[in-house]
Amino acid sequence: MVEKTAAELKFEEVQRKRQEEKVLKAATKSHKERVAELNKKLEELTEHYDIPKVGPG
């Protein structure tokens, strides 16, 4: 059996903590809230045909 070094164990510990934080952060918002945020963001963007032409012509 190959034992892991202290650095490998620390790395796995940090990875596990980051994964837990990521899961908790994702679980705080419902699907409805995420859709509402996306819609708000899209409303604030300009439409592709609203951008004026730059250059000759």
PDB file of N, CA and C in Angstrom:
ATOM      1  N   MET A   1       0.844  -1.186   0.000  1.00  0.00           N
ATOM      2  CA  MET A   1       0.000   0.000   0.000  1.00  0.00           C
ATOM      3  C   MET A   1       0.888   1.248   0.000  1.00  0.00           C
ATOM      4  N   VAL A   2       0.586   2.156  -0.896  1.00  0.00           N
ATOM      5  CA  VAL A   2       1.370   3.374  -1.019  1.00  0.00           C
ATOM      6  C   VAL A   2       0.720   4.452  -0.158  1.00  0.00           C
ATOM      7  N   GLU A   3       1.504   5.012   0.747  1.00  0.00           N
ATOM      8  CA  GLU A   3       0.989   6.077   1.607  1.00  0.00           C
ATOM      9  C   GLU A   3       1.161   7.418   0.913  1.00  0.00           C
ATOM     10  N   LYS A   4       0.260   8.332   1.225  1.00  0.00           N
ATOM     11  CA  LYS A   4       0.320   9.658   0.619  1.00  0.00           C
ATOM     12  C   LYS A   4       1.178  10.578   1.474  1.00  0.00           C
ATOM     13  N   THR A   5       1.797  11.525   0.809  1.00  0.00           N
ATOM     14  CA  THR A   5       2.630  12.485   1.528  1.00  0.00           C
ATOM     15  C   THR A   5       1.741  13.501   2.225  1.00  0.00           C
ATOM     16  N   ALA A   6       2.337  14.291   3.094  1.00  0.00           N
ATOM     17  CA  ALA A   6       1.597  15.323   3.820  1.00  0.00           C
ATOM     18  C   ALA A   6       1.007  16.339   2.844  1.00  0.00           C
ATOM     19  N   ALA A   7       1.762  16.665   1.804  1.00  0.00           N
ATOM     20  CA  ALA A   7       1.290  17.628   0.811  1.00  0.00           C
ATOM     21  C   ALA A   7       0.079  17.081   0.054  1.00  0.00           C
ATOM     22  N   GLU A   8       0.100  15.803  -0.281  1.00  0.00           N
ATOM     23  CA  GLU A   8      -1.033  15.193  -0.984  1.00  0.00           C
ATOM     24  C   GLU A   8      -2.278  15.175  -0.108  1.00  0.00           C
ATOM     25  N   LEU A   9      -2.097  14.858   1.170  1.00  0.00           N
ATOM     26  CA  LEU A   9      -3.234  14.849   2.095  1.00  0.00           C
ATOM     27  C   LEU A   9      -3.817  16.250   2.257  1.00  0.00           C
ATOM     28  N   LYS A  10      -2.943  17.251   2.386  1.00  0.00           N
ATOM     29  CA  LYS A  10      -3.392  18.641   2.524  1.00  0.00           C
ATOM     30  C   LYS A  10      -4.136  19.079   1.263  1.00  0.00           C
ATOM     31  N   PHE A  11      -3.602  18.706   0.103  1.00  0.00           N
ATOM     32  CA  PHE A  11      -4.240  19.059  -1.165  1.00  0.00           C
ATOM     33  C   PHE A  11      -5.650  18.477  -1.243  1.00  0.00           C
ATOM     34  N   GLU A  12      -5.798  17.205  -0.885  1.00  0.00           N
ATOM     35  CA  GLU A  12      -7.118  16.571  -0.917  1.00  0.00           C
ATOM     36  C   GLU A  12      -8.081  17.231   0.057  1.00  0.00           C
ATOM     37  N   GLU A  13      -7.574  17.616   1.215  1.00  0.00           N
ATOM     38  CA  GLU A  13      -8.405  18.299   2.221  1.00  0.00           C
ATOM     39  C   GLU A  13      -8.920  19.632   1.672  1.00  0.00           C
ATOM     40  N   VAL A  14      -8.030  20.404   1.059  1.00  0.00           N
ATOM     41  CA  VAL A  14      -8.414  21.702   0.501  1.00  0.00           C
ATOM     42  C   VAL A  14      -9.412  21.510  -0.636  1.00  0.00           C
ATOM     43  N   GLN A  15      -9.181  20.528  -1.490  1.00  0.00           N
ATOM     44  CA  GLN A  15     -10.098  20.251  -2.596  1.00  0.00           C
ATOM     45  C   GLN A  15     -11.484  19.888  -2.069  1.00  0.00           C
ATOM     46  N   ARG A  16     -11.526  19.073  -1.028  1.00  0.00           N
ATOM     47  CA  ARG A  16     -12.798  18.660  -0.441  1.00  0.00           C
ATOM     48  C   ARG A  16     -13.548  19.869   0.137  1.00  0.00           C
ATOM     49  N   LYS A  17     -12.828  20.757   0.815  1.00  0.00           N
ATOM     50  CA  LYS A  17     -13.459  21.953   1.389  1.00  0.00           C
ATOM     51  C   LYS A  17     -14.002  22.861   0.286  1.00  0.00           C
ATOM     52  N   ARG A  18     -13.221  23.042  -0.767  1.00  0.00           N
ATOM     53  CA  ARG A  18     -13.674  23.891  -1.875  1.00  0.00           C
ATOM     54  C   ARG A  18     -14.916  23.311  -2.541  1.00  0.00           C
ATOM     55  N   GLN A  19     -14.946  22.003  -2.689  1.00  0.00           N
ATOM     56  CA  GLN A  19     -16.105  21.347  -3.294  1.00  0.00           C
ATOM     57  C   GLN A  19     -17.342  21.543  -2.422  1.00  0.00           C
ATOM     58  N   GLU A  20     -17.179  21.411  -1.102  1.00  0.00           N
ATOM     59  CA  GLU A  20     -18.303  21.615  -0.186  1.00  0.00           C
ATOM     60  C   GLU A  20     -18.827  23.040  -0.279  1.00  0.00           C
ATOM     61  N   GLU A  21     -17.910  24.023  -0.316  1.00  0.00           N
ATOM     62  CA  GLU A  21     -18.318  25.422  -0.425  1.00  0.00           C
ATOM     63  C   GLU A  21     -19.061  25.669  -1.737  1.00  0.00           C
ATOM     64  N   LYS A  22     -18.580  25.071  -2.800  1.00  0.00           N
ATOM     65  CA  LYS A  22     -19.215  25.236  -4.112  1.00  0.00           C
ATOM     66  C   LYS A  22     -20.632  24.670  -4.102  1.00  0.00           C
ATOM     67  N   VAL A  23     -20.795  23.507  -3.490  1.00  0.00           N
ATOM     68  CA  VAL A  23     -22.115  22.877  -3.418  1.00  0.00           C
ATOM     69  C   VAL A  23     -23.062  23.720  -2.578  1.00  0.00           C
ATOM     70  N   LEU A  24     -22.585  24.213  -1.438  1.00  0.00           N
ATOM     71  CA  LEU A  24     -23.431  25.039  -0.579  1.00  0.00           C
ATOM     72  C   LEU A  24     -23.829  26.338  -1.276  1.00  0.00           C
ATOM     73  N   LYS A  25     -22.898  26.932  -1.995  1.00  0.00           N
ATOM     74  CA  LYS A  25     -23.191  28.178  -2.707  1.00  0.00           C
ATOM     75  C   LYS A  25     -24.239  27.945  -3.796  1.00  0.00           C
ATOM     76  N   ALA A  26     -24.121  26.839  -4.504  1.00  0.00           N
ATOM     77  CA  ALA A  26     -25.068  26.526  -5.574  1.00  0.00           C
ATOM     78  C   ALA A  26     -26.442  26.177  -5.014  1.00  0.00           C
ATOM     79  N   ALA A  27     -26.483  25.616  -3.823  1.00  0.00           N
ATOM     80  CA  ALA A  27     -27.752  25.178  -3.246  1.00  0.00           C
ATOM     81  C   ALA A  27     -28.531  26.323  -2.607  1.00  0.00           C
ATOM     82  N   THR A  28     -27.915  27.491  -2.447  1.00  0.00           N
ATOM     83  CA  THR A  28     -28.605  28.587  -1.774  1.00  0.00           C
ATOM     84  C   THR A  28     -29.656  29.239  -2.669  1.00  0.00           C
ATOM     85  N   LYS A  29     -29.504  29.153  -3.974  1.00  0.00           N
ATOM     86  CA  LYS A  29     -30.458  29.774  -4.893  1.00  0.00           C
ATOM     87  C   LYS A  29     -31.316  28.709  -5.559  1.00  0.00           C
ATOM     88  N   SER A  30     -32.585  29.030  -5.686  1.00  0.00           N
ATOM     89  CA  SER A  30     -33.480  28.108  -6.376  1.00  0.00           C
ATOM     90  C   SER A  30     -33.360  28.331  -7.887  1.00  0.00           C
ATOM     91  N   HIS A  31     -33.915  27.426  -8.636  1.00  0.00           N
ATOM     92  CA  HIS A  31     -33.887  27.545 -10.097  1.00  0.00           C
ATOM     93  C   HIS A  31     -34.596  28.822 -10.526  1.00  0.00           C
ATOM     94  N   LYS A  32     -35.701  29.123  -9.872  1.00  0.00           N
ATOM     95  CA  LYS A  32     -36.473  30.322 -10.211  1.00  0.00           C
ATOM     96  C   LYS A  32     -35.630  31.584 -10.006  1.00  0.00           C
ATOM     97  N   GLU A  33     -34.861  31.636  -8.918  1.00  0.00           N
ATOM     98  CA  GLU A  33     -34.014  32.799  -8.658  1.00  0.00           C
ATOM     99  C   GLU A  33     -32.905  32.925  -9.697  1.00  0.00           C
ATOM    100  N   ARG A  34     -32.306  31.782 -10.074  1.00  0.00           N
ATOM    101  CA  ARG A  34     -31.243  31.823 -11.087  1.00  0.00           C
ATOM    102  C   ARG A  34     -31.785  32.287 -12.435  1.00  0.00           C
ATOM    103  N   VAL A  35     -32.987  31.839 -12.801  1.00  0.00           N
ATOM    104  CA  VAL A  35     -33.597  32.260 -14.063  1.00  0.00           C
ATOM    105  C   VAL A  35     -33.897  33.753 -14.020  1.00  0.00           C
ATOM    106  N   ALA A  36     -34.388  34.244 -12.884  1.00  0.00           N
ATOM    107  CA  ALA A  36     -34.683  35.668 -12.750  1.00  0.00           C
ATOM    108  C   ALA A  36     -33.408  36.503 -12.897  1.00  0.00           C
ATOM    109  N   GLU A  37     -32.319  36.062 -12.300  1.00  0.00           N
ATOM    110  CA  GLU A  37     -31.047  36.780 -12.434  1.00  0.00           C
ATOM    111  C   GLU A  37     -30.566  36.790 -13.882  1.00  0.00           C
ATOM    112  N   LEU A  38     -30.682  35.658 -14.563  1.00  0.00           N
ATOM    113  CA  LEU A  38     -30.263  35.581 -15.959  1.00  0.00           C
ATOM    114  C   LEU A  38     -31.109  36.513 -16.824  1.00  0.00           C
ATOM    115  N   ASN A  39     -32.417  36.515 -16.608  1.00  0.00           N
ATOM    116  CA  ASN A  39     -33.293  37.388 -17.382  1.00  0.00           C
ATOM    117  C   ASN A  39     -32.951  38.856 -17.150  1.00  0.00           C
ATOM    118  N   LYS A  40     -32.655  39.220 -15.903  1.00  0.00           N
ATOM    119  CA  LYS A  40     -32.285  40.603 -15.595  1.00  0.00           C
ATOM    120  C   LYS A  40     -30.993  40.979 -16.320  1.00  0.00           C
ATOM    121  N   LYS A  41     -30.028  40.062 -16.300  1.00  0.00           N
ATOM    122  CA  LYS A  41     -28.754  40.317 -16.971  1.00  0.00           C
ATOM    123  C   LYS A  41     -28.958  40.485 -18.474  1.00  0.00           C
ATOM    124  N   LEU A  42     -29.793  39.629 -19.069  1.00  0.00           N
ATOM    125  CA  LEU A  42     -30.034  39.711 -20.508  1.00  0.00           C
ATOM    126  C   LEU A  42     -30.786  40.981 -20.887  1.00  0.00           C
ATOM    127  N   GLU A  43     -31.674  41.457 -20.014  1.00  0.00           N
ATOM    128  CA  GLU A  43     -32.405  42.696 -20.293  1.00  0.00           C
ATOM    129  C   GLU A  43     -31.467  43.893 -20.349  1.00  0.00           C
ATOM    130  N   GLU A  44     -30.400  43.856 -19.566  1.00  0.00           N
ATOM    131  CA  GLU A  44     -29.475  44.984 -19.512  1.00  0.00           C
ATOM    132  C   GLU A  44     -28.520  45.019 -20.699  1.00  0.00           C
ATOM    133  N   LEU A  45     -28.365  43.910 -21.412  1.00  0.00           N
ATOM    134  CA  LEU A  45     -27.469  43.871 -22.562  1.00  0.00           C
ATOM    135  C   LEU A  45     -28.109  44.559 -23.768  1.00  0.00           C
ATOM    136  N   THR A  46     -27.260  45.113 -24.624  1.00  0.00           N
ATOM    137  CA  THR A  46     -27.790  45.710 -25.844  1.00  0.00           C
ATOM    138  C   THR A  46     -28.080  44.605 -26.850  1.00  0.00           C
ATOM    139  N   GLU A  47     -29.009  44.884 -27.736  1.00  0.00           N
ATOM    140  CA  GLU A  47     -29.317  43.932 -28.803  1.00  0.00           C
ATOM    141  C   GLU A  47     -28.231  44.034 -29.867  1.00  0.00           C
ATOM    142  N   HIS A  48     -28.043  42.977 -30.621  1.00  0.00           N
ATOM    143  CA  HIS A  48     -26.966  42.983 -31.607  1.00  0.00           C
ATOM    144  C   HIS A  48     -27.196  44.012 -32.709  1.00  0.00           C
ATOM    145  N   TYR A  49     -28.442  44.377 -32.980  1.00  0.00           N
ATOM    146  CA  TYR A  49     -28.719  45.344 -34.042  1.00  0.00           C
ATOM    147  C   TYR A  49     -28.731  46.779 -33.516  1.00  0.00           C
ATOM    148  N   ASP A  50     -28.561  46.983 -32.214  1.00  0.00           N
ATOM    149  CA  ASP A  50     -28.526  48.325 -31.637  1.00  0.00           C
ATOM    150  C   ASP A  50     -27.143  48.960 -31.724  1.00  0.00           C
ATOM    151  N   ILE A  51     -26.136  48.174 -32.018  1.00  0.00           N
ATOM    152  CA  ILE A  51     -24.777  48.692 -32.033  1.00  0.00           C
ATOM    153  C   ILE A  51     -24.569  49.469 -33.336  1.00  0.00           C
ATOM    154  N   PRO A  52     -24.209  50.747 -33.231  1.00  0.00           N
ATOM    155  CA  PRO A  52     -24.027  51.543 -34.452  1.00  0.00           C
ATOM    156  C   PRO A  52     -22.790  51.098 -35.229  1.00  0.00           C
ATOM    157  N   LYS A  53     -22.846  51.304 -36.541  1.00  0.00           N
ATOM    158  CA  LYS A  53     -21.703  50.962 -37.383  1.00  0.00           C
ATOM    159  C   LYS A  53     -20.581  51.962 -37.143  1.00  0.00           C
ATOM    160  N   VAL A  54     -19.375  51.470 -37.194  1.00  0.00           N
ATOM    161  CA  VAL A  54     -18.212  52.330 -37.046  1.00  0.00           C
ATOM    162  C   VAL A  54     -17.363  52.158 -38.295  1.00  0.00           C
ATOM    163  N   GLY A  55     -17.055  53.257 -38.917  1.00  0.00           N
ATOM    164  CA  GLY A  55     -16.212  53.191 -40.103  1.00  0.00           C
ATOM    165  C   GLY A  55     -16.911  53.799 -41.302  1.00  0.00           C
ATOM    166  N   PRO A  56     -16.280  53.710 -42.446  1.00  0.00           N
ATOM    167  CA  PRO A  56     -16.857  54.319 -43.653  1.00  0.00           C
ATOM    168  C   PRO A  56     -18.125  53.593 -44.113  1.00  0.00           C
ATOM    169  N   GLY A  57     -19.049  54.376 -44.597  1.00  0.00           N
ATOM    170  CA  GLY A  57     -20.255  53.787 -45.155  1.00  0.00           C
ATOM    171  C   GLY A  57     -21.352  53.912 -44.242  1.00  0.00           C
TER     172      GLY A  57
END
